[in-house]
């Protein structure tokens, strides 16, 4: 099998590129672990115990426990992110509700101010006079209907009766 075919099959496992080149050229010698390399006494760069055996799978460098922990951490992080987004959405909804309530309060305060101005203008002398003349039918007194009170005179206890008699004469 060529290297391109191995890359797309389930039999593929990681092998250093230098070992691949020797395997493809048929130059991978079998040797002992402690044996010396060439005449110079130097060791070859690739270890002798790395061999590709077709049909076998090498274990992943990531252990199952590490993988489970990584998945658990990712799940917790995902849950935290979803919770953060949910809480910010709720906070935004509450802020919108507060803004709506504040706007209603401002409208009601403006209505109160308008009504207070109407009350103040209705309590003015001109409006009281107009109400007395039009609704109650009152008129200004004539000169013979006036009662004069002198500053040095004694006040009689039946002053209200005297005023009533003069008014209805």
Protein backbone atom coordinates (compact mmCIF):
# COMPACT_ATOMS: atom_id res chain seq x y z
CA UNK A 1 0.00 0.00 0.00
CA UNK A 2 1.34 3.43 -0.84
CA UNK A 3 1.54 6.32 1.57
CA UNK A 4 -1.39 8.10 -0.12
CA UNK A 5 -3.60 5.02 0.29
CA UNK A 6 -2.58 4.63 3.95
CA UNK A 7 -3.56 8.20 4.70
CA UNK A 8 -7.18 7.45 3.87
CA UNK A 9 -7.58 4.04 5.51
CA UNK A 10 -8.20 2.93 9.05
CA UNK A 11 -4.81 1.19 9.10
CA UNK A 12 -2.95 4.50 9.10
CA UNK A 13 -0.87 5.31 12.15
CA UNK A 14 1.83 7.88 12.71
CA UNK A 15 5.30 6.88 11.64
CA UNK A 16 8.18 9.29 11.25
CA UNK A 17 8.79 10.39 7.62
CA UNK A 18 12.32 8.95 7.55
CA UNK A 19 10.95 5.52 8.49
CA UNK A 20 8.35 5.78 5.73
CA UNK A 21 11.04 6.50 3.18
CA UNK A 22 13.04 3.43 4.24
CA UNK A 23 9.97 1.22 4.31
CA UNK A 24 8.90 2.30 0.85
CA UNK A 25 12.38 1.70 -0.52
CA UNK A 26 12.59 -1.66 1.25
CA UNK A 27 15.61 -0.56 3.25
CA UNK A 28 14.33 -1.00 6.79
CA UNK A 29 16.79 -3.46 8.28
CA UNK A 30 15.92 -5.56 11.29
CA UNK A 31 18.40 -5.01 14.07
CA UNK A 32 18.89 -5.28 17.79
CA UNK A 33 18.27 -2.38 20.10
CA UNK A 34 21.83 -2.01 21.25
CA UNK A 35 23.53 -2.61 17.91
CA UNK A 36 25.75 0.06 16.47
CA UNK A 37 25.00 1.57 13.08
CA UNK A 38 27.65 2.09 10.42
CA UNK A 39 31.41 1.71 10.46
CA UNK A 40 31.84 5.11 12.05
CA UNK A 41 30.13 3.91 15.21
CA UNK A 42 27.30 6.37 15.07
CA UNK A 43 23.70 5.33 15.61
CA UNK A 44 21.12 5.92 12.97
CA UNK A 45 18.58 8.65 13.63
CA UNK A 46 15.46 6.41 13.65
CA UNK A 47 15.06 3.85 16.42
CA UNK A 48 15.12 0.25 15.24
CA UNK A 49 11.97 -0.81 17.10
CA UNK A 50 9.56 1.33 15.00
CA UNK A 51 7.94 -0.87 12.39
CA UNK A 52 4.71 -0.56 10.48
CA UNK A 53 2.76 -3.75 10.54
CA UNK A 54 -0.20 -3.70 8.16
CA UNK A 55 -3.56 -4.39 9.79
CA UNK A 56 -2.58 -3.20 13.29
CA UNK A 57 -3.59 0.03 14.92
CA UNK A 58 -1.41 1.97 17.27
CA UNK A 59 -2.99 3.54 20.34
CA UNK A 60 -3.65 7.22 20.27
CA UNK A 61 -1.21 9.37 22.25
CA UNK A 62 -4.26 10.80 24.09
CA UNK A 63 -5.45 8.49 26.84
CA UNK A 64 -9.10 7.74 27.50
CA UNK A 65 -9.08 9.43 30.90
CA UNK A 66 -7.62 12.61 29.46
CA UNK A 67 -10.18 12.55 26.67
CA UNK A 68 -13.06 12.11 29.15
CA UNK A 69 -11.78 14.96 31.28
CA UNK A 70 -11.39 17.20 28.25
CA UNK A 71 -14.96 16.44 27.13
CA UNK A 72 -16.25 17.10 30.66
CA UNK A 73 -14.41 20.44 30.81
CA UNK A 74 -15.79 21.40 27.40
CA UNK A 75 -19.31 20.47 28.51
CA UNK A 76 -19.01 22.53 31.68
CA UNK A 77 -17.60 25.47 29.69
CA UNK A 78 -20.47 25.15 27.19
CA UNK A 79 -23.05 25.09 29.97
CA UNK A 80 -21.45 28.16 31.56
CA UNK A 81 -21.49 30.01 28.24
CA UNK A 82 -25.12 29.14 27.60
CA UNK A 83 -25.97 30.23 31.15
CA UNK A 84 -24.15 33.53 30.64
CA UNK A 85 -26.04 34.21 27.41
CA UNK A 86 -29.35 33.28 29.07
CA UNK A 87 -28.67 35.54 32.06
CA UNK A 88 -27.70 38.48 29.83
CA UNK A 89 -30.94 37.97 27.86
CA UNK A 90 -32.93 38.02 31.10
CA UNK A 91 -31.06 41.14 32.28
CA UNK A 92 -31.88 42.85 28.98
CA UNK A 93 -35.56 41.95 29.36
CA UNK A 94 -35.60 43.38 32.89
CA UNK A 95 -33.87 46.58 31.69
CA UNK A 96 -36.51 46.98 28.95
CA UNK A 97 -39.25 46.55 31.54
CA UNK A 98 -37.63 49.16 33.79
CA UNK A 99 -37.31 51.60 30.87
CA UNK A 100 -40.98 51.12 29.99
CA UNK A 101 -42.01 51.74 33.59
CA UNK A 102 -39.81 54.87 33.77
CA UNK A 103 -41.43 56.20 30.58
CA UNK A 104 -44.89 55.61 32.07
CA UNK A 105 -43.82 57.43 35.23
CA UNK A 106 -42.61 60.42 33.18
CA UNK A 107 -45.92 60.56 31.27
CA UNK A 108 -47.91 60.44 34.51
CA UNK A 109 -45.71 63.15 36.08
CA UNK A 110 -46.34 65.37 33.04
CA UNK A 111 -50.10 64.77 33.41
CA UNK A 112 -49.90 65.66 37.12
CA UNK A 113 -48.03 68.89 36.31
CA UNK A 114 -50.60 69.81 33.68
CA UNK A 115 -53.46 69.18 36.10
CA UNK A 116 -51.72 71.22 38.81
CA UNK A 117 -51.42 74.15 36.39
CA UNK A 118 -55.12 73.84 35.57
CA UNK A 119 -55.97 73.81 39.28
CA UNK A 120 -53.85 76.90 39.90
CA UNK A 121 -55.44 78.75 37.01
CA UNK A 122 -58.93 77.66 38.14
CA UNK A 123 -58.29 79.03 41.63
CA UNK A 124 -57.47 82.48 40.28
CA UNK A 125 -59.76 85.45 41.01
CA UNK A 126 -60.92 85.72 37.42
CA UNK A 127 -62.08 82.12 37.17
CA UNK A 128 -63.80 82.26 40.58
CA UNK A 129 -65.61 85.46 39.52
CA UNK A 130 -66.66 83.91 36.20
CA UNK A 131 -67.94 80.76 37.96
CA UNK A 132 -69.89 82.83 40.50
CA UNK A 133 -71.56 84.96 37.81
CA UNK A 134 -72.32 82.25 35.24
CA UNK A 135 -73.02 79.15 37.31
CA UNK A 136 -74.24 80.56 40.62
CA UNK A 137 -75.98 83.67 39.27
CA UNK A 138 -74.26 86.07 41.67
CA UNK A 139 -73.90 89.83 41.02
CA UNK A 140 -71.97 92.70 42.51
CA UNK A 141 -73.91 94.46 45.32
CA UNK A 142 -75.47 97.84 44.70
CA UNK A 143 -74.66 100.80 46.90
CA UNK A 144 -77.79 100.39 49.02
CA UNK A 145 -76.92 96.74 49.63
CA UNK A 146 -73.57 97.47 51.27
CA UNK A 147 -73.02 97.30 55.00
CA UNK A 148 -70.36 99.54 56.44
CA UNK A 149 -68.53 98.65 59.59
CA UNK A 150 -66.98 101.43 61.57
CA UNK A 151 -63.66 100.87 63.24
CA UNK A 152 -64.58 102.30 66.61
CA UNK A 153 -68.08 100.81 66.83
CA UNK A 154 -68.95 98.01 69.11
CA UNK A 155 -69.69 94.71 67.52
CA UNK A 156 -73.10 93.39 68.32
CA UNK A 157 -73.44 89.72 68.90
CA UNK A 158 -76.23 89.46 66.38
CA UNK A 159 -74.24 91.11 63.58
CA UNK A 160 -75.07 88.27 61.20
CA UNK A 161 -78.77 88.89 61.80
CA UNK A 162 -78.41 92.63 61.12
CA UNK A 163 -76.61 91.93 57.84
CA UNK A 164 -79.25 89.41 56.82
CA UNK A 165 -82.08 91.89 57.50
CA UNK A 166 -80.41 94.67 55.49
CA UNK A 167 -79.70 92.29 52.61
CA UNK A 168 -83.28 91.11 52.29
CA UNK A 169 -85.03 94.53 52.65
